[in-house]
PDB file of N, CA and C in Angstrom:
ATOM      1  N   MET A   1      45.590  78.005  64.723  1.00  0.00           N
ATOM      2  CA  MET A   1      46.094  78.820  65.747  1.00  0.00           C
ATOM      3  C   MET A   1      45.954  80.321  65.198  1.00  0.00           C
ATOM      4  N   ASP A   2      45.236  81.112  66.203  1.00  0.00           N
ATOM      5  CA  ASP A   2      44.977  82.290  65.569  1.00  0.00           C
ATOM      6  C   ASP A   2      46.207  83.276  66.210  1.00  0.00           C
ATOM      7  N   ILE A   3      46.237  84.703  65.737  1.00  0.00           N
ATOM      8  CA  ILE A   3      47.162  85.712  66.138  1.00  0.00           C
ATOM      9  C   ILE A   3      47.119  86.126  67.575  1.00  0.00           C
ATOM     10  N   GLN A   4      45.850  86.143  68.260  1.00  0.00           N
ATOM     11  CA  GLN A   4      46.114  86.396  69.576  1.00  0.00           C
ATOM     12  C   GLN A   4      46.707  85.420  70.341  1.00  0.00           C
ATOM     13  N   THR A   5      46.497  83.923  70.191  1.00  0.00           N
ATOM     14  CA  THR A   5      47.330  83.003  70.730  1.00  0.00           C
ATOM     15  C   THR A   5      48.571  83.047  70.470  1.00  0.00           C
ATOM     16  N   LEU A   6      49.116  83.082  69.660  1.00  0.00           N
ATOM     17  CA  LEU A   6      50.434  83.455  69.026  1.00  0.00           C
ATOM     18  C   LEU A   6      51.114  84.687  69.726  1.00  0.00           C
ATOM     19  N   THR A   7      50.314  85.573  70.017  1.00  0.00           N
ATOM     20  CA  THR A   7      50.521  86.786  70.693  1.00  0.00           C
ATOM     21  C   THR A   7      50.779  86.877  72.120  1.00  0.00           C
ATOM     22  N   ARG A   8      50.109  85.941  72.579  1.00  0.00           N
ATOM     23  CA  ARG A   8      49.935  85.243  74.146  1.00  0.00           C
ATOM     24  C   ARG A   8      51.176  84.685  74.288  1.00  0.00           C
ATOM     25  N   PHE A   9      51.512  83.884  73.616  1.00  0.00           N
ATOM     26  CA  PHE A   9      52.595  82.994  73.507  1.00  0.00           C
ATOM     27  C   PHE A   9      54.036  83.539  73.462  1.00  0.00           C
ATOM     28  N   PHE A  10      54.094  84.530  72.765  1.00  0.00           N
ATOM     29  CA  PHE A  10      55.384  84.828  72.727  1.00  0.00           C
ATOM     30  C   PHE A  10      55.353  86.349  73.767  1.00  0.00           C
ATOM     31  N   MET A  11      54.130  86.623  74.124  1.00  0.00           N
ATOM     32  CA  MET A  11      54.352  87.692  75.437  1.00  0.00           C
ATOM     33  C   MET A  11      54.885  86.930  76.490  1.00  0.00           C
ATOM     34  N   TRP A  12      54.367  85.878  77.048  1.00  0.00           N
ATOM     35  CA  TRP A  12      54.736  85.159  78.278  1.00  0.00           C
ATOM     36  C   TRP A  12      56.280  84.737  77.542  1.00  0.00           C
ATOM     37  N   CYS A  13      56.505  84.148  76.597  1.00  0.00           N
ATOM     38  CA  CYS A  13      57.923  83.620  76.495  1.00  0.00           C
ATOM     39  C   CYS A  13      58.915  84.959  76.566  1.00  0.00           C
ATOM     40  N   THR A  14      58.647  86.211  76.231  1.00  0.00           N
ATOM     41  CA  THR A  14      59.452  87.245  76.195  1.00  0.00           C
ATOM     42  C   THR A  14      59.647  87.818  77.821  1.00  0.00           C
ATOM     43  N   ILE A  15      58.346  87.516  78.353  1.00  0.00           N
ATOM     44  CA  ILE A  15      58.728  87.845  79.750  1.00  0.00           C
ATOM     45  C   ILE A  15      59.509  86.928  80.731  1.00  0.00           C
ATOM     46  N   MET A  16      59.337  85.428  80.605  1.00  0.00           N
ATOM     47  CA  MET A  16      60.171  84.814  81.548  1.00  0.00           C
ATOM     48  C   MET A  16      61.247  84.784  80.686  1.00  0.00           C
ATOM     49  N   ASN A  17      61.743  84.601  79.561  1.00  0.00           N
ATOM     50  CA  ASN A  17      63.551  84.665  79.077  1.00  0.00           C
ATOM     51  C   ASN A  17      63.751  86.004  79.462  1.00  0.00           C
ATOM     52  N   GLY A  18      63.067  87.214  79.416  1.00  0.00           N
ATOM     53  CA  GLY A  18      63.654  88.361  79.881  1.00  0.00           C
ATOM     54  C   GLY A  18      63.875  88.480  81.479  1.00  0.00           C
ATOM     55  N   ALA A  19      62.960  87.964  82.005  1.00  0.00           N
ATOM     56  CA  ALA A  19      63.304  87.884  83.492  1.00  0.00           C
ATOM     57  C   ALA A  19      64.207  86.776  83.979  1.00  0.00           C
ATOM     58  N   LEU A  20      64.338  85.842  83.348  1.00  0.00           N
ATOM     59  CA  LEU A  20      65.769  84.945  83.244  1.00  0.00           C
ATOM     60  C   LEU A  20      67.148  85.651  83.012  1.00  0.00           C
ATOM     61  N   LEU A  21      67.039  86.441  81.641  1.00  0.00           N
ATOM     62  CA  LEU A  21      68.129  87.137  81.441  1.00  0.00           C
ATOM     63  C   LEU A  21      68.483  88.112  82.565  1.00  0.00           C
ATOM     64  N   VAL A  22      67.778  88.994  82.882  1.00  0.00           N
ATOM     65  CA  VAL A  22      67.873  89.968  84.169  1.00  0.00           C
ATOM     66  C   VAL A  22      68.588  89.615  85.168  1.00  0.00           C
ATOM     67  N   LEU A  23      67.911  88.180  85.818  1.00  0.00           N
ATOM     68  CA  LEU A  23      68.442  87.388  86.934  1.00  0.00           C
ATOM     69  C   LEU A  23      69.882  86.963  86.757  1.00  0.00           C
ATOM     70  N   TRP A  24      70.185  86.369  85.499  1.00  0.00           N
ATOM     71  CA  TRP A  24      71.451  85.795  85.691  1.00  0.00           C
ATOM     72  C   TRP A  24      72.329  87.335  85.327  1.00  0.00           C
ATOM     73  N   THR A  25      72.042  88.212  84.740  1.00  0.00           N
ATOM     74  CA  THR A  25      72.887  89.313  84.462  1.00  0.00           C
ATOM     75  C   THR A  25      73.079  89.927  85.856  1.00  0.00           C
ATOM     76  N   THR A  26      72.064  90.046  87.046  1.00  0.00           N
ATOM     77  CA  THR A  26      72.199  90.786  88.104  1.00  0.00           C
ATOM     78  C   THR A  26      73.085  90.048  88.801  1.00  0.00           C
ATOM     79  N   VAL A  27      72.914  88.579  88.550  1.00  0.00           N
ATOM     80  CA  VAL A  27      73.799  87.722  89.520  1.00  0.00           C
ATOM     81  C   VAL A  27      75.153  87.560  89.136  1.00  0.00           C
ATOM     82  N   CYS A  28      75.418  87.827  87.856  1.00  0.00           N
ATOM     83  CA  CYS A  28      76.935  87.690  87.468  1.00  0.00           C
ATOM     84  C   CYS A  28      77.430  89.183  87.886  1.00  0.00           C
ATOM     85  N   ILE A  29      76.807  90.012  87.928  1.00  0.00           N
ATOM     86  CA  ILE A  29      77.034  91.722  88.258  1.00  0.00           C
ATOM     87  C   ILE A  29      77.632  91.873  90.042  1.00  0.00           C
ATOM     88  N   LEU A  30      76.524  91.356  90.605  1.00  0.00           N
ATOM     89  CA  LEU A  30      76.556  91.539  91.549  1.00  0.00           C
ATOM     90  C   LEU A  30      77.400  90.356  92.675  1.00  0.00           C
ATOM     91  N   ALA A  31      77.416  89.225  92.311  1.00  0.00           N
ATOM     92  CA  ALA A  31      77.771  88.140  92.871  1.00  0.00           C
ATOM     93  C   ALA A  31      78.882  87.349  91.886  1.00  0.00           C
ATOM     94  N   PRO A  32      80.382  87.837  91.469  1.00  0.00           N
ATOM     95  CA  PRO A  32      80.495  87.154  90.389  1.00  0.00           C
ATOM     96  C   PRO A  32      81.553  85.985  90.964  1.00  0.00           C
ATOM     97  N   ASP A  33      82.381  86.276  92.104  1.00  0.00           N
ATOM     98  CA  ASP A  33      82.865  85.514  93.063  1.00  0.00           C
ATOM     99  C   ASP A  33      82.083  84.254  93.165  1.00  0.00           C
ATOM    100  N   LEU A  34      80.792  84.268  93.766  1.00  0.00           N
ATOM    101  CA  LEU A  34      79.953  83.286  94.199  1.00  0.00           C
ATOM    102  C   LEU A  34      79.887  82.553  92.615  1.00  0.00           C
ATOM    103  N   VAL A  35      79.461  82.856  91.994  1.00  0.00           N
ATOM    104  CA  VAL A  35      79.238  82.248  90.702  1.00  0.00           C
ATOM    105  C   VAL A  35      80.674  81.260  90.189  1.00  0.00           C
ATOM    106  N   TYR A  36      81.573  82.191  90.241  1.00  0.00           N
ATOM    107  CA  TYR A  36      82.873  81.572  89.898  1.00  0.00           C
ATOM    108  C   TYR A  36      83.675  80.331  90.881  1.00  0.00           C
ATOM    109  N   ARG A  37      83.299  80.316  92.207  1.00  0.00           N
ATOM    110  CA  ARG A  37      83.157  79.410  93.035  1.00  0.00           C
ATOM    111  C   ARG A  37      82.605  78.212  92.675  1.00  0.00           C
ATOM    112  N   THR A  38      81.173  78.539  92.734  1.00  0.00           N
ATOM    113  CA  THR A  38      80.033  77.160  92.472  1.00  0.00           C
ATOM    114  C   THR A  38      80.749  76.571  91.305  1.00  0.00           C
ATOM    115  N   GLN A  39      80.710  77.453  90.152  1.00  0.00           N
ATOM    116  CA  GLN A  39      80.812  76.560  88.788  1.00  0.00           C
ATOM    117  C   GLN A  39      82.580  76.304  88.728  1.00  0.00           C
ATOM    118  N   SER A  40      83.405  76.538  89.419  1.00  0.00           N
ATOM    119  CA  SER A  40      84.692  75.578  89.457  1.00  0.00           C
ATOM    120  C   SER A  40      84.904  74.657  90.289  1.00  0.00           C
ATOM    121  N   LYS A  41      83.919  74.525  90.736  1.00  0.00           N
ATOM    122  CA  LYS A  41      83.623  72.806  91.662  1.00  0.00           C
ATOM    123  C   LYS A  41      83.865  71.889  90.739  1.00  0.00           C
ATOM    124  N   TRP A  42      83.033  72.284  89.356  1.00  0.00           N
ATOM    125  CA  TRP A  42      82.418  71.435  88.490  1.00  0.00           C
ATOM    126  C   TRP A  42      83.371  71.585  87.181  1.00  0.00           C
ATOM    127  N   PHE A  43      83.536  72.804  87.027  1.00  0.00           N
ATOM    128  CA  PHE A  43      84.674  72.591  85.901  1.00  0.00           C
ATOM    129  C   PHE A  43      86.029  73.470  86.248  1.00  0.00           C
ATOM    130  N   PRO A  44      86.744  72.787  86.575  1.00  0.00           N
ATOM    131  CA  PRO A  44      88.094  73.591  86.752  1.00  0.00           C
ATOM    132  C   PRO A  44      88.677  74.388  85.650  1.00  0.00           C
ATOM    133  N   ILE A  45      88.429  75.713  86.025  1.00  0.00           N
ATOM    134  CA  ILE A  45      88.992  76.720  84.706  1.00  0.00           C
ATOM    135  C   ILE A  45      89.696  77.714  85.536  1.00  0.00           C
ATOM    136  N   PRO A  46      90.641  78.782  84.504  1.00  0.00           N
ATOM    137  CA  PRO A  46      90.944  80.192  85.456  1.00  0.00           C
ATOM    138  C   PRO A  46      89.693  80.654  85.039  1.00  0.00           C
ATOM    139  N   ARG A  47      90.076  81.871  86.171  1.00  0.00           N
ATOM    140  CA  ARG A  47      89.135  82.915  86.455  1.00  0.00           C
ATOM    141  C   ARG A  47      89.048  83.811  85.053  1.00  0.00           C
ATOM    142  N   GLU A  48      89.866  83.881  84.520  1.00  0.00           N
ATOM    143  CA  GLU A  48      89.998  84.617  83.215  1.00  0.00           C
ATOM    144  C   GLU A  48      89.279  83.920  81.996  1.00  0.00           C
ATOM    145  N   THR A  49      89.189  82.846  82.032  1.00  0.00           N
ATOM    146  CA  THR A  49      88.465  82.060  80.889  1.00  0.00           C
ATOM    147  C   THR A  49      87.065  81.827  81.381  1.00  0.00           C
ATOM    148  N   PHE A  50      86.717  81.536  82.613  1.00  0.00           N
ATOM    149  CA  PHE A  50      85.606  81.749  83.000  1.00  0.00           C
ATOM    150  C   PHE A  50      84.857  82.899  82.820  1.00  0.00           C
ATOM    151  N   ASP A  51      85.418  83.908  82.895  1.00  0.00           N
ATOM    152  CA  ASP A  51      84.906  85.413  82.764  1.00  0.00           C
ATOM    153  C   ASP A  51      84.342  85.467  81.097  1.00  0.00           C
ATOM    154  N   VAL A  52      85.365  85.412  80.311  1.00  0.00           N
ATOM    155  CA  VAL A  52      85.219  85.522  79.285  1.00  0.00           C
ATOM    156  C   VAL A  52      83.673  84.000  78.404  1.00  0.00           C
ATOM    157  N   VAL A  53      83.847  83.370  79.350  1.00  0.00           N
ATOM    158  CA  VAL A  53      83.071  82.181  78.950  1.00  0.00           C
ATOM    159  C   VAL A  53      81.369  82.750  79.536  1.00  0.00           C
ATOM    160  N   ILE A  54      81.287  83.432  80.735  1.00  0.00           N
ATOM    161  CA  ILE A  54      80.237  83.702  80.997  1.00  0.00           C
ATOM    162  C   ILE A  54      79.626  84.939  80.317  1.00  0.00           C
ATOM    163  N   TYR A  55      80.109  85.823  80.049  1.00  0.00           N
ATOM    164  CA  TYR A  55      79.902  86.852  79.333  1.00  0.00           C
ATOM    165  C   TYR A  55      79.549  86.460  77.732  1.00  0.00           C
ATOM    166  N   SER A  56      80.145  85.566  77.207  1.00  0.00           N
ATOM    167  CA  SER A  56      79.893  85.250  76.056  1.00  0.00           C
ATOM    168  C   SER A  56      78.458  84.695  75.915  1.00  0.00           C
ATOM    169  N   PHE A  57      78.223  83.604  77.073  1.00  0.00           N
ATOM    170  CA  PHE A  57      77.058  83.318  77.050  1.00  0.00           C
ATOM    171  C   PHE A  57      75.809  84.287  77.283  1.00  0.00           C
ATOM    172  N   LEU A  58      76.070  84.960  77.794  1.00  0.00           N
ATOM    173  CA  LEU A  58      74.998  86.368  78.454  1.00  0.00           C
ATOM    174  C   LEU A  58      74.974  86.792  77.207  1.00  0.00           C
ATOM    175  N   GLY A  59      75.871  87.106  76.649  1.00  0.00           N
ATOM    176  CA  GLY A  59      75.656  87.956  74.961  1.00  0.00           C
ATOM    177  C   GLY A  59      74.809  87.339  74.037  1.00  0.00           C
ATOM    178  N   LEU A  60      75.029  86.009  73.828  1.00  0.00           N
ATOM    179  CA  LEU A  60      74.269  84.866  73.068  1.00  0.00           C
ATOM    180  C   LEU A  60      73.052  85.122  73.494  1.00  0.00           C
ATOM    181  N   PHE A  61      72.798  84.388  74.512  1.00  0.00           N
ATOM    182  CA  PHE A  61      71.275  84.598  75.097  1.00  0.00           C
ATOM    183  C   PHE A  61      70.651  85.762  74.846  1.00  0.00           C
ATOM    184  N   LYS A  62      71.511  86.891  75.116  1.00  0.00           N
ATOM    185  CA  LYS A  62      70.645  88.389  74.589  1.00  0.00           C
ATOM    186  C   LYS A  62      70.099  88.196  73.214  1.00  0.00           C
ATOM    187  N   ILE A  63      71.430  87.970  72.360  1.00  0.00           N
ATOM    188  CA  ILE A  63      70.866  87.883  71.162  1.00  0.00           C
ATOM    189  C   ILE A  63      69.864  86.984  71.028  1.00  0.00           C
ATOM    190  N   PHE A  64      69.619  85.574  71.133  1.00  0.00           N
ATOM    191  CA  PHE A  64      68.524  84.639  71.201  1.00  0.00           C
ATOM    192  C   PHE A  64      67.301  85.233  71.499  1.00  0.00           C
ATOM    193  N   PHE A  65      67.377  86.002  72.789  1.00  0.00           N
ATOM    194  CA  PHE A  65      66.206  86.710  73.066  1.00  0.00           C
ATOM    195  C   PHE A  65      65.574  87.493  72.343  1.00  0.00           C
ATOM    196  N   LEU A  66      66.537  88.603  72.036  1.00  0.00           N
ATOM    197  CA  LEU A  66      65.660  89.163  70.882  1.00  0.00           C
ATOM    198  C   LEU A  66      65.407  89.057  69.723  1.00  0.00           C
ATOM    199  N   VAL A  67      65.984  87.941  69.202  1.00  0.00           N
ATOM    200  CA  VAL A  67      65.880  87.463  67.735  1.00  0.00           C
ATOM    201  C   VAL A  67      64.635  86.435  67.807  1.00  0.00           C
ATOM    202  N   PHE A  68      64.317  85.427  68.796  1.00  0.00           N
ATOM    203  CA  PHE A  68      63.507  84.635  68.831  1.00  0.00           C
ATOM    204  C   PHE A  68      62.052  84.790  69.858  1.00  0.00           C
ATOM    205  N   ASN A  69      62.087  86.080  70.736  1.00  0.00           N
ATOM    206  CA  ASN A  69      61.205  86.369  71.453  1.00  0.00           C
ATOM    207  C   ASN A  69      60.688  87.710  71.374  1.00  0.00           C
ATOM    208  N   LEU A  70      61.682  88.867  71.603  1.00  0.00           N
ATOM    209  CA  LEU A  70      61.111  89.898  71.185  1.00  0.00           C
ATOM    210  C   LEU A  70      60.418  90.052  70.002  1.00  0.00           C
ATOM    211  N   VAL A  71      61.288  90.282  68.882  1.00  0.00           N
ATOM    212  CA  VAL A  71      61.158  90.779  67.837  1.00  0.00           C
ATOM    213  C   VAL A  71      59.536  89.798  67.159  1.00  0.00           C
ATOM    214  N   PRO A  72      59.407  88.487  67.313  1.00  0.00           N
ATOM    215  CA  PRO A  72      58.452  87.966  66.998  1.00  0.00           C
ATOM    216  C   PRO A  72      57.365  88.418  67.532  1.00  0.00           C
ATOM    217  N   TYR A  73      57.077  88.722  69.080  1.00  0.00           N
ATOM    218  CA  TYR A  73      56.178  89.397  69.653  1.00  0.00           C
ATOM    219  C   TYR A  73      55.989  90.712  69.470  1.00  0.00           C
ATOM    220  N   VAL A  74      56.957  91.752  69.191  1.00  0.00           N
ATOM    221  CA  VAL A  74      56.652  92.967  68.545  1.00  0.00           C
ATOM    222  C   VAL A  74      56.035  92.868  67.076  1.00  0.00           C
ATOM    223  N   ALA A  75      56.456  92.078  66.495  1.00  0.00           N
ATOM    224  CA  ALA A  75      55.573  91.877  64.813  1.00  0.00           C
ATOM    225  C   ALA A  75      54.309  91.509  65.075  1.00  0.00           C
ATOM    226  N   LEU A  76      53.970  90.645  65.926  1.00  0.00           N
ATOM    227  CA  LEU A  76      52.563  90.219  65.913  1.00  0.00           C
ATOM    228  C   LEU A  76      51.888  91.234  66.863  1.00  0.00           C
ATOM    229  N   LEU A  77      52.395  91.888  67.641  1.00  0.00           N
ATOM    230  CA  LEU A  77      51.806  93.186  67.935  1.00  0.00           C
ATOM    231  C   LEU A  77      51.161  94.151  66.822  1.00  0.00           C
ATOM    232  N   ILE A  78      52.114  94.129  65.685  1.00  0.00           N
ATOM    233  CA  ILE A  78      52.062  95.359  64.651  1.00  0.00           C
ATOM    234  C   ILE A  78      51.080  94.664  63.973  1.00  0.00           C
ATOM    235  N   ILE A  79      50.847  93.342  63.656  1.00  0.00           N
ATOM    236  CA  ILE A  79      50.062  92.950  62.457  1.00  0.00           C
ATOM    237  C   ILE A  79      48.675  92.718  63.180  1.00  0.00           C
ATOM    238  N   GLY A  80      48.714  92.246  64.677  1.00  0.00           N
ATOM    239  CA  GLY A  80      47.557  92.095  65.241  1.00  0.00           C
ATOM    240  C   GLY A  80      46.624  93.104  65.360  1.00  0.00           C
TER     241      GLY A  80
END
């Protein structure tokens, strides 16, 4: 596997995961009540706990996105 293939792989991973992060964040900001009502049917938890869990997962996903997608892509661009 050469550097160009790895660079393209991480580019598409970054694009797809970045779009997922933006979509998830947008939905949580624009329609938090809808998200809570939908999820509370499956997992009956208080609203305050739900907010903490959702924003914690958003933060964790953002960290994983940066560390495992964006940083390797930028590193491959630099060495390529």
